[in-house]
């Protein structure tokens, strides 16, 4: 199956930060920044703001450590987050566009490769 892309659900920097936090299971702003510096130039306050917003959205949980700094922990593992986010997105599309969204989804699925189609068929059989 294809690699799942968190940056299609989250903003670009949010996605990179989440990948780091998922990798380490928990991280402070400083730890995320130190890891980010290997890839791009970004300010401490920017990382702090993005992580605080991810916590406000319920994507990260935060707690104070002994030194008084926040340590952030993902509220869900990556797979659970992606499953819940995609389910919500699909439900919103169906609620908004109804039959048209379902028809387009079926067209997109039918354009997929045979390996993906076989896996999806197995999942459909389990549901029935």
Protein backbone atom coordinates (compact mmCIF):
# COMPACT_ATOMS: atom_id res chain seq x y z
CA UNK A 1 0.00 0.00 0.00
CA UNK A 2 0.96 3.60 -0.42
CA UNK A 3 2.81 5.52 2.25
CA UNK A 4 0.34 7.57 4.25
CA UNK A 5 0.94 11.30 4.17
CA UNK A 6 0.12 13.26 7.29
CA UNK A 7 0.75 16.56 5.50
CA UNK A 8 -2.48 16.04 3.57
CA UNK A 9 -4.39 16.15 6.85
CA UNK A 10 -2.24 18.56 8.85
CA UNK A 11 -0.30 21.62 7.77
CA UNK A 12 3.26 21.03 6.56
CA UNK A 13 5.00 22.02 9.80
CA UNK A 14 2.33 20.32 11.92
CA UNK A 15 2.93 17.09 9.99
CA UNK A 16 6.71 17.24 10.43
CA UNK A 17 6.35 17.94 14.15
CA UNK A 18 3.87 15.08 14.58
CA UNK A 19 6.20 12.67 12.76
CA UNK A 20 8.92 13.58 15.27
CA UNK A 21 6.65 13.24 18.31
CA UNK A 22 5.26 9.91 17.05
CA UNK A 23 8.81 8.66 16.52
CA UNK A 24 9.96 9.57 20.04
CA UNK A 25 6.60 8.86 21.78
CA UNK A 26 7.00 12.10 23.76
CA UNK A 27 9.05 15.24 23.24
CA UNK A 28 9.63 18.74 24.50
CA UNK A 29 9.66 21.77 22.22
CA UNK A 30 13.48 21.81 22.48
CA UNK A 31 13.75 18.15 21.44
CA UNK A 32 11.49 18.71 18.44
CA UNK A 33 13.40 21.86 17.49
CA UNK A 34 16.76 20.08 17.72
CA UNK A 35 15.44 17.35 15.42
CA UNK A 36 13.88 19.87 13.03
CA UNK A 37 17.10 21.89 12.73
CA UNK A 38 18.59 18.96 10.81
CA UNK A 39 16.05 19.57 8.03
CA UNK A 40 15.07 23.25 8.11
CA UNK A 41 15.54 26.55 9.86
CA UNK A 42 12.71 27.29 12.26
CA UNK A 43 12.39 29.39 15.42
CA UNK A 44 11.81 27.94 18.88
CA UNK A 45 8.71 30.11 19.29
CA UNK A 46 7.27 28.81 16.01
CA UNK A 47 7.64 25.19 17.14
CA UNK A 48 6.23 26.08 20.56
CA UNK A 49 3.18 27.78 18.99
CA UNK A 50 2.49 24.91 16.58
CA UNK A 51 2.79 22.32 19.35
CA UNK A 52 0.50 24.34 21.62
CA UNK A 53 -2.07 24.55 18.80
CA UNK A 54 -1.81 20.80 18.20
CA UNK A 55 -2.52 20.36 21.92
CA UNK A 56 -5.48 22.76 21.69
CA UNK A 57 -6.83 20.62 18.81
CA UNK A 58 -6.48 17.50 20.95
CA UNK A 59 -3.83 15.95 18.70
CA UNK A 60 -1.14 16.28 21.37
CA UNK A 61 -1.44 16.07 25.14
CA UNK A 62 0.93 18.11 27.27
CA UNK A 63 2.14 17.88 30.82
CA UNK A 64 4.73 19.75 32.85
CA UNK A 65 7.97 17.96 33.62
CA UNK A 66 10.05 18.48 36.78
CA UNK A 67 11.78 21.53 35.30
CA UNK A 68 8.49 23.22 34.41
CA UNK A 69 8.76 22.63 30.66
CA UNK A 70 5.94 21.04 28.71
CA UNK A 71 6.40 17.52 27.41
CA UNK A 72 4.08 16.60 24.56
CA UNK A 73 2.65 13.14 23.92
CA UNK A 74 0.49 12.14 20.95
CA UNK A 75 -3.15 11.59 21.91
CA UNK A 76 -3.28 8.74 19.36
CA UNK A 77 -0.75 6.63 17.54
CA UNK A 78 -0.19 7.56 13.90
CA UNK A 79 -2.35 4.81 12.39
CA UNK A 80 -5.29 5.59 14.68
CA UNK A 81 -4.98 9.31 13.94
CA UNK A 82 -4.91 8.74 10.17
CA UNK A 83 -7.86 6.34 10.33
CA UNK A 84 -9.98 8.73 12.41
CA UNK A 85 -9.02 11.73 10.26
CA UNK A 86 -9.77 9.99 6.98
CA UNK A 87 -13.07 8.65 8.34
CA UNK A 88 -14.06 12.19 9.39
CA UNK A 89 -13.01 13.60 6.01
CA UNK A 90 -14.98 10.98 4.07
CA UNK A 91 -18.04 11.46 6.28
CA UNK A 92 -17.89 15.23 5.77
CA UNK A 93 -17.62 14.77 1.99
CA UNK A 94 -20.61 12.41 1.95
CA UNK A 95 -22.64 14.74 4.20
CA UNK A 96 -21.82 17.71 1.97
CA UNK A 97 -21.95 16.15 -1.49
CA UNK A 98 -23.87 12.90 -1.00
CA UNK A 99 -24.13 10.61 -4.00
CA UNK A 100 -21.62 12.63 -6.03
CA UNK A 101 -18.91 12.10 -3.40
CA UNK A 102 -19.61 8.36 -3.23
CA UNK A 103 -19.52 8.05 -7.03
CA UNK A 104 -16.20 9.91 -7.20
CA UNK A 105 -14.79 7.75 -4.41
CA UNK A 106 -15.76 4.60 -6.32
CA UNK A 107 -14.15 5.99 -9.49
CA UNK A 108 -10.95 6.78 -7.58
CA UNK A 109 -10.88 3.31 -6.03
CA UNK A 110 -11.40 1.64 -9.41
CA UNK A 111 -8.34 3.53 -10.72
CA UNK A 112 -6.16 1.96 -8.00
CA UNK A 113 -3.72 -0.88 -8.59
CA UNK A 114 -4.81 -4.51 -8.35
CA UNK A 115 -2.96 -5.17 -5.08
CA UNK A 116 -4.81 -2.33 -3.32
CA UNK A 117 -8.13 -3.45 -4.81
CA UNK A 118 -7.62 -7.01 -3.55
CA UNK A 119 -6.93 -5.77 0.00
CA UNK A 120 -9.98 -3.52 -0.04
CA UNK A 121 -12.17 -6.36 -1.30
CA UNK A 122 -11.06 -8.48 1.66
CA UNK A 123 -12.04 -5.67 4.03
CA UNK A 124 -15.44 -5.31 2.34
CA UNK A 125 -16.10 -9.05 2.71
CA UNK A 126 -15.41 -8.79 6.45
CA UNK A 127 -17.97 -5.98 6.75
CA UNK A 128 -20.73 -7.88 4.94
